[in-house]
Amino acid sequence: QVQLVESGGDLVQPGGSLRLSCAASGSIFSLKTMGWYRQAPGKQRELVARIGSGGDIVYADSAKGRFTISRDNAKNMVYLQINNLQTEDTAVYYCWQFPNSWGQGTQVTVSS
């Protein structure tokens, strides 16, 4: 059974940075496409970024430039670095593993 555990969410001021982490277990991690999604209050869950087993990366248009996804197959970890956080980045961020496994989410709040 796949288990995904996110961490790193916090309350930060606009312009700050965060690094979200996701620890995965229960699958052959190195063979799996991983990703980060987010869901803001009152909105649908949306893709932020995905990273394939070979390191190929897809970013949502809204994530290009400030978000960086990476993975460490030796540690079964996937990361999301977010720079220059803006109030519209406030959301619950979810770790995802292909095809349909989800973590519980970590809250990111951007506010002054």
Protein backbone atom coordinates (compact mmCIF):
# COMPACT_ATOMS: atom_id res chain seq x y z
CA GLN A 1 0.00 0.00 0.00
CA VAL A 2 1.38 3.36 -1.04
CA GLN A 3 1.88 5.92 1.68
CA LEU A 4 2.76 9.55 1.01
CA VAL A 5 3.57 11.93 3.85
CA GLU A 6 4.04 15.62 3.17
CA SER A 7 5.83 18.13 5.37
CA GLY A 8 7.18 21.64 5.19
CA GLY A 9 4.02 23.71 4.97
CA ASP A 10 3.99 26.89 7.02
CA LEU A 11 2.75 30.45 7.39
CA VAL A 12 5.11 32.72 5.48
CA GLN A 13 5.19 36.32 4.41
CA PRO A 14 4.92 37.32 0.76
CA GLY A 15 8.29 37.02 -0.90
CA GLY A 16 9.39 34.16 1.34
CA SER A 17 10.39 30.65 0.38
CA LEU A 18 9.42 27.16 1.40
CA ARG A 19 10.58 23.67 0.62
CA LEU A 20 7.91 21.02 0.77
CA SER A 21 8.89 17.40 1.18
CA CYS A 22 7.07 14.16 0.50
CA ALA A 23 8.21 10.81 1.86
CA ALA A 24 6.94 7.85 -0.12
CA SER A 25 6.71 4.18 0.80
CA GLY A 26 4.98 1.05 -0.40
CA SER A 27 6.00 1.16 -4.05
CA ILE A 28 9.04 1.03 -6.29
CA PHE A 29 9.54 4.75 -5.98
CA SER A 30 12.17 5.13 -8.66
CA LEU A 31 9.77 3.80 -11.29
CA LYS A 32 6.91 6.13 -10.40
CA THR A 33 5.92 9.51 -11.69
CA MET A 34 5.49 11.85 -8.73
CA GLY A 35 3.86 15.21 -8.47
CA TRP A 36 2.58 18.08 -6.43
CA TYR A 37 -0.96 19.43 -6.63
CA ARG A 38 -2.59 22.20 -4.65
CA GLN A 39 -6.08 23.16 -3.64
CA ALA A 40 -6.90 26.69 -2.62
CA PRO A 41 -10.02 27.52 -0.60
CA GLY A 42 -13.10 27.28 -2.79
CA LYS A 43 -11.15 26.03 -5.80
CA GLN A 44 -10.50 22.70 -7.46
CA ARG A 45 -7.31 20.79 -6.92
CA GLU A 46 -4.79 21.69 -9.61
CA LEU A 47 -1.48 20.41 -10.84
CA VAL A 48 1.62 22.30 -9.75
CA ALA A 49 4.35 20.05 -11.15
CA ARG A 50 5.14 16.45 -12.05
CA ILE A 51 8.43 14.61 -12.32
CA GLY A 52 8.80 11.34 -14.16
CA SER A 53 10.96 8.37 -13.26
CA GLY A 54 13.54 9.60 -15.73
CA GLY A 55 13.54 13.12 -14.33
CA ASP A 56 11.33 14.68 -17.01
CA ILE A 57 9.39 17.58 -15.52
CA VAL A 58 6.12 19.29 -16.30
CA TYR A 59 5.08 22.53 -14.62
CA ALA A 60 1.72 24.19 -14.64
CA ASP A 61 1.89 27.59 -16.29
CA SER A 62 1.21 29.20 -12.91
CA ALA A 63 4.23 27.41 -11.43
CA LYS A 64 6.84 28.23 -14.04
CA GLY A 65 9.66 30.37 -12.72
CA ARG A 66 9.07 30.17 -8.95
CA PHE A 67 8.53 26.47 -8.35
CA THR A 68 11.10 23.68 -8.62
CA ILE A 69 10.26 20.02 -8.28
CA SER A 70 12.96 17.46 -7.61
CA ARG A 71 13.30 13.90 -6.42
CA ASP A 72 15.80 11.76 -4.56
CA ASN A 73 15.25 8.14 -5.52
CA ALA A 74 17.75 6.91 -2.93
CA LYS A 75 15.61 8.43 -0.17
CA ASN A 76 12.17 7.91 -1.76
CA MET A 77 11.59 11.64 -1.49
CA VAL A 78 10.11 14.29 -3.74
CA TYR A 79 10.48 18.00 -3.06
CA LEU A 80 8.87 21.24 -4.10
CA GLN A 81 10.86 24.43 -3.69
CA ILE A 82 8.72 27.55 -3.84
CA ASN A 83 10.36 30.94 -4.05
CA ASN A 84 8.92 34.45 -3.90
CA LEU A 85 5.70 33.16 -2.37
CA GLN A 86 2.60 35.14 -3.14
CA THR A 87 -0.77 35.30 -1.43
CA GLU A 88 -2.34 33.35 -4.29
CA ASP A 89 -0.05 30.43 -3.45
CA THR A 90 -2.05 29.87 -0.27
CA ALA A 91 -3.39 26.33 -0.51
CA VAL A 92 -3.13 22.81 0.75
CA TYR A 93 -0.34 21.13 -1.20
CA TYR A 94 -0.69 17.44 -1.94
CA CYS A 95 1.88 14.89 -2.95
CA TRP A 96 0.75 12.52 -5.69
CA GLN A 97 2.06 9.28 -7.12
CA PHE A 98 0.94 7.79 -10.41
CA PRO A 99 -1.69 6.59 -10.95
CA ASN A 100 -3.86 7.72 -8.07
CA SER A 101 -2.16 7.85 -4.67
CA TRP A 102 -2.36 10.97 -2.53
CA GLY A 103 -0.93 12.26 0.69
CA GLN A 104 -2.93 14.07 3.34
CA GLY A 105 -1.62 17.47 2.33
CA THR A 106 0.39 20.23 3.94
CA GLN A 107 -0.93 23.76 4.44
CA VAL A 108 0.89 26.70 2.91
CA THR A 109 -0.38 30.10 3.97
CA VAL A 110 1.11 33.28 2.55
CA SER A 111 0.13 36.35 4.49
CA SER A 112 1.66 39.49 5.90
